[in-house]
Amino acid sequence: MAPLGTPQNKTLESQITMFITCFIVGMCVFIPYSGIWHSFDVALWGSLVATISEFFFFPDDSLLIPTCGGAAMQFALWRHGFSYWG
């Protein structure tokens, strides 16, 4: 097992693919709820944080990636005045 903070067979191509995929899915999910410009910001921050967390953190990242990406998207929504919590 590689120590924390070292990439494990992670290539630039895989990181770019993950970012693009997360961004497209984020745009498709948030456009009906918050419009095109807010969706762009939310999808951008969520995909960027998810890609960075996938590159740097633990090998078992099936919990960490969605948590970090979701927190970034919630923060971006909160910045625009949207909230799912009321």
Protein backbone atom coordinates (compact mmCIF):
# COMPACT_ATOMS: atom_id res chain seq x y z
CA MET A 1 0.00 0.00 0.00
CA ALA A 2 1.34 3.42 -0.93
CA PRO A 3 1.63 6.08 1.77
CA LEU A 4 -0.77 9.00 2.02
CA GLY A 5 -0.24 11.67 -0.60
CA THR A 6 1.46 9.59 -3.28
CA PRO A 7 -0.33 8.75 -6.50
CA GLN A 8 -0.84 5.03 -7.16
CA ASN A 9 -0.72 4.35 -10.89
CA LYS A 10 -2.74 7.49 -11.53
CA THR A 11 -2.09 9.12 -14.87
CA LEU A 12 -2.88 12.57 -16.18
CA GLU A 13 -5.30 11.02 -18.67
CA SER A 14 -7.28 9.32 -15.90
CA GLN A 15 -7.46 12.55 -13.91
CA ILE A 16 -8.66 14.54 -16.94
CA THR A 17 -11.24 11.85 -17.71
CA MET A 18 -12.53 11.90 -14.15
CA PHE A 19 -12.79 15.71 -14.13
CA ILE A 20 -14.67 15.82 -17.44
CA THR A 21 -17.03 13.00 -16.43
CA CYS A 22 -17.79 14.58 -13.04
CA PHE A 23 -18.34 17.96 -14.68
CA ILE A 24 -20.76 16.63 -17.31
CA VAL A 25 -22.77 14.63 -14.77
CA GLY A 26 -22.86 17.63 -12.42
CA MET A 27 -24.14 19.89 -15.18
CA CYS A 28 -26.84 17.39 -16.15
CA VAL A 29 -28.00 17.03 -12.55
CA PHE A 30 -28.05 20.69 -11.52
CA ILE A 31 -29.29 22.51 -14.66
CA PRO A 32 -33.00 21.78 -13.97
CA TYR A 33 -32.70 23.08 -10.40
CA SER A 34 -30.47 26.12 -10.54
CA GLY A 35 -30.00 27.29 -14.13
CA ILE A 36 -26.99 27.15 -16.42
CA TRP A 37 -24.63 29.59 -14.67
CA HIS A 38 -25.16 28.30 -11.16
CA SER A 39 -24.86 24.74 -12.44
CA PHE A 40 -21.56 25.57 -14.12
CA ASP A 41 -20.12 26.86 -10.83
CA VAL A 42 -21.46 23.94 -8.80
CA ALA A 43 -20.28 21.32 -11.30
CA LEU A 44 -16.88 22.98 -11.65
CA TRP A 45 -16.16 23.06 -7.92
CA GLY A 46 -17.55 19.59 -7.29
CA SER A 47 -15.59 17.97 -10.10
CA LEU A 48 -12.39 19.84 -9.22
CA VAL A 49 -12.52 18.85 -5.54
CA ALA A 50 -13.48 15.25 -6.37
CA THR A 51 -10.59 14.93 -8.82
CA ILE A 52 -8.08 16.39 -6.38
CA SER A 53 -9.30 14.18 -3.54
CA GLU A 54 -9.10 11.11 -5.78
CA PHE A 55 -5.51 11.94 -6.65
CA PHE A 56 -4.17 12.67 -3.17
CA PHE A 57 -6.08 10.66 -0.59
CA PHE A 58 -6.51 7.10 0.60
CA PRO A 59 -6.66 4.06 -1.68
CA ASP A 60 -10.20 3.28 -0.51
CA ASP A 61 -11.73 6.40 -1.97
CA SER A 62 -15.28 5.18 -2.57
CA LEU A 63 -16.37 7.14 0.50
CA LEU A 64 -13.97 10.09 0.34
CA ILE A 65 -14.51 11.21 -3.27
CA PRO A 66 -18.32 11.62 -3.08
CA THR A 67 -18.09 13.20 0.37
CA CYS A 68 -15.53 15.83 -0.68
CA GLY A 69 -17.23 16.51 -4.02
CA GLY A 70 -20.65 16.74 -2.42
CA ALA A 71 -19.40 19.11 0.27
CA ALA A 72 -17.86 21.35 -2.41
CA MET A 73 -21.10 21.35 -4.41
CA GLN A 74 -23.14 22.12 -1.29
CA PHE A 75 -20.83 25.03 -0.51
CA ALA A 76 -21.13 26.34 -4.08
CA LEU A 77 -24.93 26.10 -3.89
CA TRP A 78 -24.89 27.87 -0.55
CA ARG A 79 -22.80 30.69 -2.05
CA HIS A 80 -25.50 31.23 -4.68
CA GLY A 81 -28.29 31.24 -2.11
CA PHE A 82 -29.57 27.73 -2.76
CA SER A 83 -29.93 25.25 0.06
CA TYR A 84 -31.48 21.82 0.36
CA TRP A 85 -31.74 22.22 4.13
CA GLY A 86 -34.48 24.82 4.17
